[in-house]
């Protein structure tokens, strides 16, 4: 109720006149990929808002690989924490993208399990491979269908989901 009162306290003729805080509140109710797709590169203010919003990115399970190809390059260096389904690992952590500010990865597979990885001091790919291997050893059946094989040298990774 307080938020609605705040909105009506402003005389707003255009959407752009709303304060940034209200945009972040509105964004929090929407899917991250749709917010980014809608507002990125709209104008300088929205570009700044989107880059701040993507610091803590949550990718929905129904996101299309084409979305990742189109938008990830624009936001990858802003991401500090990312939450995603194991099914998206191959697309998000392909060799095309490096995440300079990434500190934490939260991976999930349905409601069966969720793992949060602190990757501040190590390669995200190494942390993902290690955690999936531990889960595999612990006999999480659905994890056995996810295969991550790091290549020698440049630490790129091949991920396949059976």
N, C-alpha and C. Protein backbone atom coordinates (compact mmCIF):
# COMPACT_ATOMS: atom_id res chain seq x y z
N UNK A 1 0.82 -1.20 0.00
CA UNK A 1 0.00 0.00 0.00
C UNK A 1 0.86 1.26 0.00
N UNK A 2 1.95 1.24 0.72
CA UNK A 2 2.85 2.39 0.81
C UNK A 2 3.39 2.75 -0.57
N UNK A 3 3.72 1.76 -1.38
CA UNK A 3 4.28 2.02 -2.70
C UNK A 3 3.27 2.73 -3.60
N UNK A 4 2.02 2.33 -3.50
CA UNK A 4 1.01 2.97 -4.32
C UNK A 4 0.80 4.41 -3.90
N UNK A 5 0.88 4.68 -2.63
CA UNK A 5 0.77 6.06 -2.15
C UNK A 5 1.93 6.89 -2.66
N UNK A 6 3.10 6.33 -2.71
CA UNK A 6 4.26 7.04 -3.23
C UNK A 6 4.08 7.42 -4.69
N UNK A 7 3.54 6.50 -5.45
CA UNK A 7 3.33 6.76 -6.86
C UNK A 7 2.35 7.92 -7.06
N UNK A 8 1.30 7.94 -6.30
CA UNK A 8 0.29 8.97 -6.47
C UNK A 8 0.70 10.31 -5.88
N UNK A 9 1.79 10.35 -5.13
CA UNK A 9 2.29 11.61 -4.61
C UNK A 9 3.00 12.41 -5.69
N UNK A 10 3.39 11.76 -6.76
CA UNK A 10 4.10 12.42 -7.84
C UNK A 10 3.12 12.79 -8.94
N UNK A 11 3.34 13.96 -9.49
CA UNK A 11 2.57 14.29 -10.69
C UNK A 11 3.42 13.83 -11.87
N UNK A 12 2.98 12.75 -12.50
CA UNK A 12 3.77 12.12 -13.53
C UNK A 12 3.01 12.20 -14.85
N UNK A 13 3.68 12.79 -15.84
CA UNK A 13 3.10 12.86 -17.17
C UNK A 13 3.64 11.78 -18.09
N UNK A 14 4.88 11.33 -17.78
CA UNK A 14 5.51 10.30 -18.60
C UNK A 14 6.16 9.27 -17.67
N UNK A 15 6.28 8.07 -18.16
CA UNK A 15 6.89 6.98 -17.41
C UNK A 15 8.32 7.33 -16.97
N UNK A 16 9.06 8.01 -17.82
CA UNK A 16 10.44 8.37 -17.53
C UNK A 16 10.58 9.30 -16.34
N UNK A 17 9.50 9.93 -15.90
CA UNK A 17 9.57 10.86 -14.79
C UNK A 17 9.53 10.17 -13.42
N UNK A 18 9.23 8.88 -13.41
CA UNK A 18 9.23 8.16 -12.14
C UNK A 18 10.65 8.04 -11.60
N UNK A 19 10.81 8.02 -10.28
CA UNK A 19 12.15 7.87 -9.70
C UNK A 19 12.71 6.46 -9.93
N UNK A 20 14.02 6.36 -9.93
CA UNK A 20 14.69 5.08 -10.16
C UNK A 20 14.24 4.00 -9.19
N UNK A 21 14.04 4.35 -7.94
CA UNK A 21 13.64 3.38 -6.93
C UNK A 21 12.34 2.66 -7.29
N UNK A 22 11.42 3.39 -7.90
CA UNK A 22 10.16 2.76 -8.31
C UNK A 22 10.36 1.80 -9.48
N UNK A 23 11.28 2.13 -10.36
CA UNK A 23 11.58 1.21 -11.45
C UNK A 23 12.16 -0.09 -10.90
N UNK A 24 13.07 0.01 -9.93
CA UNK A 24 13.63 -1.21 -9.35
C UNK A 24 12.55 -2.03 -8.66
N UNK A 25 11.62 -1.37 -8.02
CA UNK A 25 10.50 -2.08 -7.40
C UNK A 25 9.65 -2.78 -8.46
N UNK A 26 9.35 -2.10 -9.53
CA UNK A 26 8.56 -2.69 -10.62
C UNK A 26 9.33 -3.85 -11.24
N UNK A 27 10.63 -3.67 -11.49
CA UNK A 27 11.45 -4.72 -12.08
C UNK A 27 11.46 -5.98 -11.22
N UNK A 28 11.40 -5.81 -9.91
CA UNK A 28 11.48 -6.96 -9.02
C UNK A 28 10.29 -7.91 -9.17
N UNK A 29 9.20 -7.44 -9.76
CA UNK A 29 8.01 -8.27 -9.96
C UNK A 29 8.00 -8.94 -11.35
N UNK A 30 8.98 -8.62 -12.17
CA UNK A 30 9.01 -9.12 -13.53
C UNK A 30 10.18 -10.08 -13.73
N UNK A 31 10.12 -10.87 -14.78
CA UNK A 31 11.22 -11.78 -15.11
C UNK A 31 12.39 -10.96 -15.64
N UNK A 32 13.59 -11.30 -15.15
CA UNK A 32 14.80 -10.55 -15.51
C UNK A 32 14.99 -10.45 -17.02
N UNK A 33 14.81 -11.56 -17.72
CA UNK A 33 15.07 -11.53 -19.16
C UNK A 33 14.11 -10.58 -19.88
N UNK A 34 12.88 -10.49 -19.42
CA UNK A 34 11.92 -9.59 -20.06
C UNK A 34 12.25 -8.13 -19.77
N UNK A 35 12.68 -7.83 -18.54
CA UNK A 35 13.06 -6.47 -18.19
C UNK A 35 14.24 -6.02 -19.05
N UNK A 36 15.24 -6.88 -19.15
CA UNK A 36 16.42 -6.54 -19.94
C UNK A 36 16.05 -6.36 -21.40
N UNK A 37 15.30 -7.28 -21.93
CA UNK A 37 14.91 -7.22 -23.34
C UNK A 37 14.12 -5.95 -23.64
N UNK A 38 13.28 -5.54 -22.72
CA UNK A 38 12.42 -4.38 -22.94
C UNK A 38 13.15 -3.05 -22.82
N UNK A 39 14.03 -2.93 -21.83
CA UNK A 39 14.58 -1.62 -21.52
C UNK A 39 16.04 -1.38 -21.91
N UNK A 40 16.78 -2.42 -22.26
CA UNK A 40 18.19 -2.21 -22.59
C UNK A 40 18.31 -1.38 -23.87
N UNK A 41 19.23 -0.45 -23.86
CA UNK A 41 19.50 0.44 -24.98
C UNK A 41 18.32 1.34 -25.36
N UNK A 42 17.35 1.48 -24.47
CA UNK A 42 16.22 2.38 -24.74
C UNK A 42 16.69 3.83 -24.74
N UNK A 43 17.36 4.21 -23.67
CA UNK A 43 18.01 5.51 -23.57
C UNK A 43 19.08 5.40 -22.48
N UNK A 44 19.80 6.45 -22.25
CA UNK A 44 20.92 6.39 -21.32
C UNK A 44 20.47 6.08 -19.89
N UNK A 45 19.38 6.65 -19.46
CA UNK A 45 18.89 6.40 -18.10
C UNK A 45 18.48 4.94 -17.91
N UNK A 46 17.71 4.41 -18.84
CA UNK A 46 17.29 3.01 -18.72
C UNK A 46 18.47 2.06 -18.88
N UNK A 47 19.42 2.42 -19.71
CA UNK A 47 20.61 1.58 -19.84
C UNK A 47 21.32 1.49 -18.49
N UNK A 48 21.45 2.61 -17.81
CA UNK A 48 22.08 2.63 -16.48
C UNK A 48 21.26 1.81 -15.47
N UNK A 49 19.95 1.95 -15.51
CA UNK A 49 19.08 1.17 -14.62
C UNK A 49 19.22 -0.33 -14.87
N UNK A 50 19.25 -0.72 -16.13
CA UNK A 50 19.36 -2.14 -16.48
C UNK A 50 20.69 -2.70 -16.03
N UNK A 51 21.76 -1.96 -16.23
CA UNK A 51 23.07 -2.44 -15.81
C UNK A 51 23.15 -2.61 -14.29
N UNK A 52 22.49 -1.73 -13.55
CA UNK A 52 22.42 -1.89 -12.09
C UNK A 52 21.55 -3.10 -11.73
N UNK A 53 20.45 -3.24 -12.42
CA UNK A 53 19.51 -4.34 -12.17
C UNK A 53 20.16 -5.70 -12.43
N UNK A 54 21.03 -5.79 -13.42
CA UNK A 54 21.62 -7.08 -13.78
C UNK A 54 22.75 -7.51 -12.85
N UNK A 55 23.11 -6.70 -11.89
CA UNK A 55 24.15 -7.11 -10.93
C UNK A 55 23.75 -8.39 -10.22
N UNK A 56 22.46 -8.58 -9.99
CA UNK A 56 21.94 -9.79 -9.33
C UNK A 56 20.92 -10.42 -10.27
N UNK A 57 21.42 -11.17 -11.22
CA UNK A 57 20.60 -11.68 -12.32
C UNK A 57 20.00 -13.04 -11.98
N UNK A 58 18.71 -13.17 -12.23
CA UNK A 58 18.00 -14.44 -12.08
C UNK A 58 17.44 -14.79 -13.45
N UNK A 59 17.92 -15.91 -14.00
CA UNK A 59 17.45 -16.35 -15.31
C UNK A 59 16.40 -17.44 -15.13
N UNK A 60 15.27 -17.26 -15.75
CA UNK A 60 14.19 -18.23 -15.64
C UNK A 60 14.52 -19.46 -16.49
N UNK A 61 13.90 -20.57 -16.16
CA UNK A 61 14.17 -21.83 -16.85
C UNK A 61 13.69 -21.82 -18.30
N UNK A 62 12.76 -20.97 -18.63
CA UNK A 62 12.21 -20.96 -19.98
C UNK A 62 12.89 -19.95 -20.90
N UNK A 63 14.02 -19.44 -20.50
CA UNK A 63 14.74 -18.47 -21.32
C UNK A 63 15.27 -19.16 -22.58
N UNK A 64 15.21 -18.46 -23.67
CA UNK A 64 15.66 -19.01 -24.96
C UNK A 64 17.16 -18.80 -25.15
N UNK A 65 17.83 -19.77 -25.75
CA UNK A 65 19.26 -19.59 -26.05
C UNK A 65 19.53 -18.34 -26.90
N UNK A 66 18.59 -17.99 -27.76
CA UNK A 66 18.76 -16.79 -28.59
C UNK A 66 18.81 -15.52 -27.74
N UNK A 67 18.07 -15.50 -26.61
CA UNK A 67 18.13 -14.36 -25.70
C UNK A 67 19.54 -14.24 -25.12
N UNK A 68 20.11 -15.35 -24.71
CA UNK A 68 21.46 -15.34 -24.13
C UNK A 68 22.46 -14.80 -25.15
N UNK A 69 22.36 -15.27 -26.39
CA UNK A 69 23.27 -14.79 -27.43
C UNK A 69 23.11 -13.29 -27.68
N UNK A 70 21.87 -12.81 -27.64
CA UNK A 70 21.61 -11.42 -27.97
C UNK A 70 21.95 -10.45 -26.85
N UNK A 71 21.71 -10.82 -25.58
CA UNK A 71 21.83 -9.85 -24.49
C UNK A 71 22.99 -10.08 -23.53
N UNK A 72 23.51 -11.29 -23.45
CA UNK A 72 24.53 -11.58 -22.44
C UNK A 72 25.81 -10.77 -22.66
N UNK A 73 26.20 -10.55 -23.89
CA UNK A 73 27.40 -9.75 -24.15
C UNK A 73 27.27 -8.33 -23.59
N UNK A 74 26.08 -7.78 -23.60
CA UNK A 74 25.87 -6.42 -23.11
C UNK A 74 25.90 -6.31 -21.59
N UNK A 75 25.56 -7.39 -20.89
CA UNK A 75 25.41 -7.30 -19.44
C UNK A 75 26.43 -8.12 -18.65
N UNK A 76 27.21 -8.94 -19.32
CA UNK A 76 28.06 -9.93 -18.63
C UNK A 76 29.02 -9.32 -17.61
N UNK A 77 29.58 -8.15 -17.89
CA UNK A 77 30.55 -7.56 -16.98
C UNK A 77 29.91 -6.90 -15.76
N UNK A 78 28.60 -6.74 -15.76
CA UNK A 78 27.90 -6.15 -14.62
C UNK A 78 27.45 -7.21 -13.61
N UNK A 79 27.35 -8.44 -14.02
CA UNK A 79 26.78 -9.50 -13.19
C UNK A 79 27.71 -9.84 -12.04
N UNK A 80 27.17 -9.73 -10.82
CA UNK A 80 27.91 -10.11 -9.61
C UNK A 80 27.40 -11.45 -9.06
N UNK A 81 26.10 -11.65 -9.15
CA UNK A 81 25.51 -12.93 -8.74
C UNK A 81 24.54 -13.36 -9.84
N UNK A 82 24.52 -14.66 -10.08
CA UNK A 82 23.62 -15.18 -11.11
C UNK A 82 22.94 -16.44 -10.56
N UNK A 83 21.65 -16.53 -10.78
CA UNK A 83 20.87 -17.70 -10.40
C UNK A 83 20.29 -18.29 -11.68
N UNK A 84 20.55 -19.59 -11.88
CA UNK A 84 20.10 -20.21 -13.11
C UNK A 84 19.92 -21.70 -12.94
N UNK A 85 19.14 -22.27 -13.83
CA UNK A 85 18.93 -23.71 -13.88
C UNK A 85 20.18 -24.37 -14.45
N UNK A 86 20.44 -25.58 -14.01
CA UNK A 86 21.57 -26.35 -14.54
C UNK A 86 21.43 -26.48 -16.06
N UNK A 87 20.22 -26.53 -16.55
CA UNK A 87 20.00 -26.67 -17.99
C UNK A 87 20.54 -25.49 -18.80
N UNK A 88 20.77 -24.34 -18.15
CA UNK A 88 21.28 -23.17 -18.85
C UNK A 88 22.80 -23.03 -18.78
N UNK A 89 23.46 -23.92 -18.04
CA UNK A 89 24.91 -23.79 -17.84
C UNK A 89 25.68 -23.74 -19.15
N UNK A 90 25.34 -24.61 -20.09
CA UNK A 90 26.08 -24.67 -21.35
C UNK A 90 25.99 -23.36 -22.12
N UNK A 91 24.84 -22.73 -22.11
CA UNK A 91 24.68 -21.47 -22.85
C UNK A 91 25.32 -20.30 -22.14
N UNK A 92 25.10 -20.20 -20.84
CA UNK A 92 25.57 -19.05 -20.09
C UNK A 92 27.08 -19.07 -19.87
N UNK A 93 27.64 -20.26 -19.63
CA UNK A 93 29.07 -20.36 -19.36
C UNK A 93 29.83 -20.95 -20.54
N UNK A 94 29.41 -20.60 -21.74
CA UNK A 94 30.17 -21.03 -22.91
C UNK A 94 31.45 -20.20 -22.98
N UNK A 95 32.35 -20.56 -23.84
CA UNK A 95 33.64 -19.87 -23.93
C UNK A 95 33.49 -18.44 -24.46
N UNK A 96 32.33 -18.06 -24.93
CA UNK A 96 32.10 -16.71 -25.46
C UNK A 96 32.06 -15.65 -24.37
N UNK A 97 31.71 -16.05 -23.16
CA UNK A 97 31.47 -15.09 -22.11
C UNK A 97 32.44 -15.26 -20.95
N UNK A 98 32.98 -14.16 -20.48
CA UNK A 98 33.73 -14.17 -19.23
C UNK A 98 33.08 -13.12 -18.35
N UNK A 99 32.95 -13.42 -17.09
CA UNK A 99 32.22 -12.57 -16.17
C UNK A 99 33.21 -11.95 -15.18
N UNK A 100 33.61 -10.73 -15.44
CA UNK A 100 34.68 -10.10 -14.67
C UNK A 100 34.32 -9.85 -13.22
N UNK A 101 33.06 -9.58 -12.93
CA UNK A 101 32.65 -9.24 -11.56
C UNK A 101 31.87 -10.33 -10.86
N UNK A 102 31.78 -11.50 -11.45
CA UNK A 102 30.97 -12.59 -10.89
C UNK A 102 31.56 -13.07 -9.56
N UNK A 103 30.73 -13.06 -8.53
CA UNK A 103 31.15 -13.51 -7.20
C UNK A 103 30.41 -14.76 -6.75
N UNK A 104 29.19 -14.96 -7.26
CA UNK A 104 28.37 -16.05 -6.76
C UNK A 104 27.49 -16.61 -7.86
N UNK A 105 27.40 -17.95 -7.89
CA UNK A 105 26.52 -18.65 -8.82
C UNK A 105 25.58 -19.51 -8.00
N UNK A 106 24.30 -19.41 -8.24
CA UNK A 106 23.34 -20.31 -7.62
C UNK A 106 22.74 -21.13 -8.74
N UNK A 107 22.96 -22.45 -8.66
CA UNK A 107 22.42 -23.38 -9.65
C UNK A 107 21.30 -24.17 -9.01
N UNK A 108 20.28 -24.48 -9.79
CA UNK A 108 19.21 -25.32 -9.29
C UNK A 108 18.75 -26.27 -10.37
N UNK A 109 18.13 -27.34 -9.93
CA UNK A 109 17.53 -28.31 -10.84
C UNK A 109 16.16 -28.62 -10.25
N UNK A 110 15.15 -27.98 -10.81
CA UNK A 110 13.80 -28.12 -10.26
C UNK A 110 13.78 -27.69 -8.81
N UNK A 111 12.97 -28.37 -8.02
CA UNK A 111 12.95 -28.07 -6.58
C UNK A 111 13.76 -29.09 -5.80
N UNK A 112 14.42 -30.01 -6.54
CA UNK A 112 15.15 -31.09 -5.89
C UNK A 112 16.41 -30.62 -5.19
N UNK A 113 17.15 -29.73 -5.80
CA UNK A 113 18.36 -29.24 -5.16
C UNK A 113 18.75 -27.87 -5.69
N UNK A 114 19.50 -27.18 -4.85
CA UNK A 114 20.03 -25.86 -5.20
C UNK A 114 21.41 -25.75 -4.57
N UNK A 115 22.37 -25.21 -5.30
CA UNK A 115 23.74 -25.06 -4.81
C UNK A 115 24.17 -23.63 -5.06
N UNK A 116 24.73 -23.01 -4.03
CA UNK A 116 25.31 -21.68 -4.20
C UNK A 116 26.82 -21.78 -4.15
N UNK A 117 27.48 -21.22 -5.14
CA UNK A 117 28.93 -21.30 -5.24
C UNK A 117 29.54 -19.91 -5.11
N UNK A 118 30.54 -19.79 -4.26
CA UNK A 118 31.30 -18.56 -4.17
C UNK A 118 32.45 -18.68 -5.16
N UNK A 119 32.46 -17.86 -6.18
CA UNK A 119 33.48 -17.96 -7.22
C UNK A 119 34.37 -16.73 -7.25
N UNK A 120 34.41 -16.03 -6.14
CA UNK A 120 35.19 -14.79 -6.08
C UNK A 120 36.69 -15.05 -6.32
N UNK A 121 37.20 -16.16 -5.82
CA UNK A 121 38.63 -16.42 -5.91
C UNK A 121 39.00 -17.56 -6.85
N UNK A 122 38.05 -18.03 -7.65
CA UNK A 122 38.37 -19.11 -8.59
C UNK A 122 37.52 -19.00 -9.84
N UNK A 123 37.86 -19.77 -10.82
CA UNK A 123 37.14 -19.78 -12.08
C UNK A 123 35.72 -20.31 -11.87
N UNK A 124 34.71 -19.64 -12.42
CA UNK A 124 33.34 -20.15 -12.32
C UNK A 124 33.21 -21.56 -12.87
N UNK A 125 33.88 -21.84 -13.97
CA UNK A 125 33.79 -23.16 -14.59
C UNK A 125 34.34 -24.23 -13.64
N UNK A 126 35.49 -23.95 -12.99
CA UNK A 126 36.06 -24.91 -12.05
C UNK A 126 35.09 -25.17 -10.89
N UNK A 127 34.47 -24.11 -10.38
CA UNK A 127 33.53 -24.27 -9.26
C UNK A 127 32.31 -25.08 -9.67
N UNK A 128 31.80 -24.83 -10.87
CA UNK A 128 30.64 -25.58 -11.36
C UNK A 128 30.99 -27.05 -11.53
N UNK A 129 32.11 -27.32 -12.17
CA UNK A 129 32.52 -28.71 -12.39
C UNK A 129 32.67 -29.42 -11.05
N UNK A 130 33.33 -28.79 -10.09
CA UNK A 130 33.53 -29.40 -8.78
C UNK A 130 32.22 -29.71 -8.09
N UNK A 131 31.30 -28.75 -8.10
CA UNK A 131 30.04 -28.97 -7.39
C UNK A 131 29.20 -30.05 -8.07
N UNK A 132 29.18 -30.07 -9.40
CA UNK A 132 28.41 -31.11 -10.08
C UNK A 132 29.02 -32.49 -9.85
N UNK A 133 30.34 -32.55 -9.79
CA UNK A 133 30.98 -33.83 -9.49
C UNK A 133 30.65 -34.31 -8.09
N UNK A 134 30.62 -33.40 -7.12
CA UNK A 134 30.24 -33.78 -5.74
C UNK A 134 28.81 -34.28 -5.72
N UNK A 135 27.92 -33.57 -6.42
CA UNK A 135 26.51 -34.00 -6.46
C UNK A 135 26.38 -35.35 -7.15
N UNK A 136 27.17 -35.59 -8.18
CA UNK A 136 27.14 -36.86 -8.87
C UNK A 136 27.58 -37.99 -7.94
N UNK A 137 28.66 -37.73 -7.18
CA UNK A 137 29.15 -38.72 -6.22
C UNK A 137 28.09 -39.02 -5.16
N UNK A 138 27.33 -38.00 -4.80
CA UNK A 138 26.26 -38.19 -3.80
C UNK A 138 25.01 -38.81 -4.41
N UNK A 139 25.09 -39.19 -5.66
CA UNK A 139 24.03 -39.93 -6.36
C UNK A 139 22.75 -39.14 -6.56
N UNK A 140 22.88 -37.87 -6.90
CA UNK A 140 21.70 -37.13 -7.30
C UNK A 140 21.40 -37.54 -8.74
N UNK A 141 20.36 -38.31 -8.92
CA UNK A 141 20.09 -38.97 -10.20
C UNK A 141 20.04 -38.02 -11.37
N UNK A 142 19.35 -36.91 -11.24
CA UNK A 142 19.20 -36.01 -12.37
C UNK A 142 20.50 -35.29 -12.71
N UNK A 143 21.40 -35.16 -11.75
CA UNK A 143 22.69 -34.52 -12.02
C UNK A 143 23.53 -35.41 -12.91
N UNK A 144 23.32 -36.71 -12.85
CA UNK A 144 24.10 -37.63 -13.69
C UNK A 144 23.85 -37.41 -15.17
N UNK A 145 22.79 -36.70 -15.52
CA UNK A 145 22.52 -36.43 -16.92
C UNK A 145 23.20 -35.15 -17.40
N UNK A 146 23.89 -34.44 -16.51
CA UNK A 146 24.60 -33.22 -16.87
C UNK A 146 26.09 -33.53 -16.90
N UNK A 147 26.72 -33.32 -18.02
CA UNK A 147 28.14 -33.64 -18.17
C UNK A 147 28.92 -32.36 -18.47
N UNK A 148 29.91 -32.08 -17.64
CA UNK A 148 30.78 -30.93 -17.87
C UNK A 148 32.21 -31.45 -17.95
N UNK A 149 32.87 -31.20 -19.05
CA UNK A 149 34.23 -31.70 -19.23
C UNK A 149 35.13 -30.51 -19.54
N UNK A 150 35.96 -30.08 -18.59
CA UNK A 150 36.85 -28.94 -18.89
C UNK A 150 37.93 -29.35 -19.87
N UNK A 151 38.27 -28.45 -20.78
CA UNK A 151 39.35 -28.74 -21.72
C UNK A 151 40.67 -28.34 -21.09
N UNK A 152 41.74 -28.89 -21.57
CA UNK A 152 43.06 -28.61 -21.02
C UNK A 152 43.53 -27.27 -21.57
N UNK A 153 44.14 -26.47 -20.72
CA UNK A 153 44.74 -25.23 -21.16
C UNK A 153 43.92 -24.00 -20.81
N UNK A 154 43.00 -23.63 -21.66
CA UNK A 154 42.31 -22.36 -21.47
C UNK A 154 41.06 -22.46 -20.59
N UNK A 155 40.83 -23.55 -19.97
CA UNK A 155 39.73 -23.78 -19.02
C UNK A 155 38.35 -23.55 -19.62
N UNK A 156 38.24 -23.72 -20.93
CA UNK A 156 36.91 -23.69 -21.51
C UNK A 156 36.23 -24.99 -21.12
N UNK A 157 34.95 -25.07 -21.30
CA UNK A 157 34.23 -26.24 -20.83
C UNK A 157 33.22 -26.68 -21.89
N UNK A 158 33.05 -27.97 -21.99
CA UNK A 158 32.00 -28.52 -22.85
C UNK A 158 30.95 -29.09 -21.90
N UNK A 159 29.74 -28.66 -22.06
CA UNK A 159 28.66 -29.11 -21.19
C UNK A 159 27.60 -29.75 -22.06
N UNK A 160 27.17 -30.93 -21.70
CA UNK A 160 26.07 -31.53 -22.44
C UNK A 160 25.06 -32.07 -21.46
N UNK A 161 23.81 -31.95 -21.80
CA UNK A 161 22.72 -32.41 -20.94
C UNK A 161 21.98 -33.48 -21.71
N UNK A 162 21.95 -34.67 -21.13
CA UNK A 162 21.35 -35.84 -21.78
C UNK A 162 19.88 -35.93 -21.41
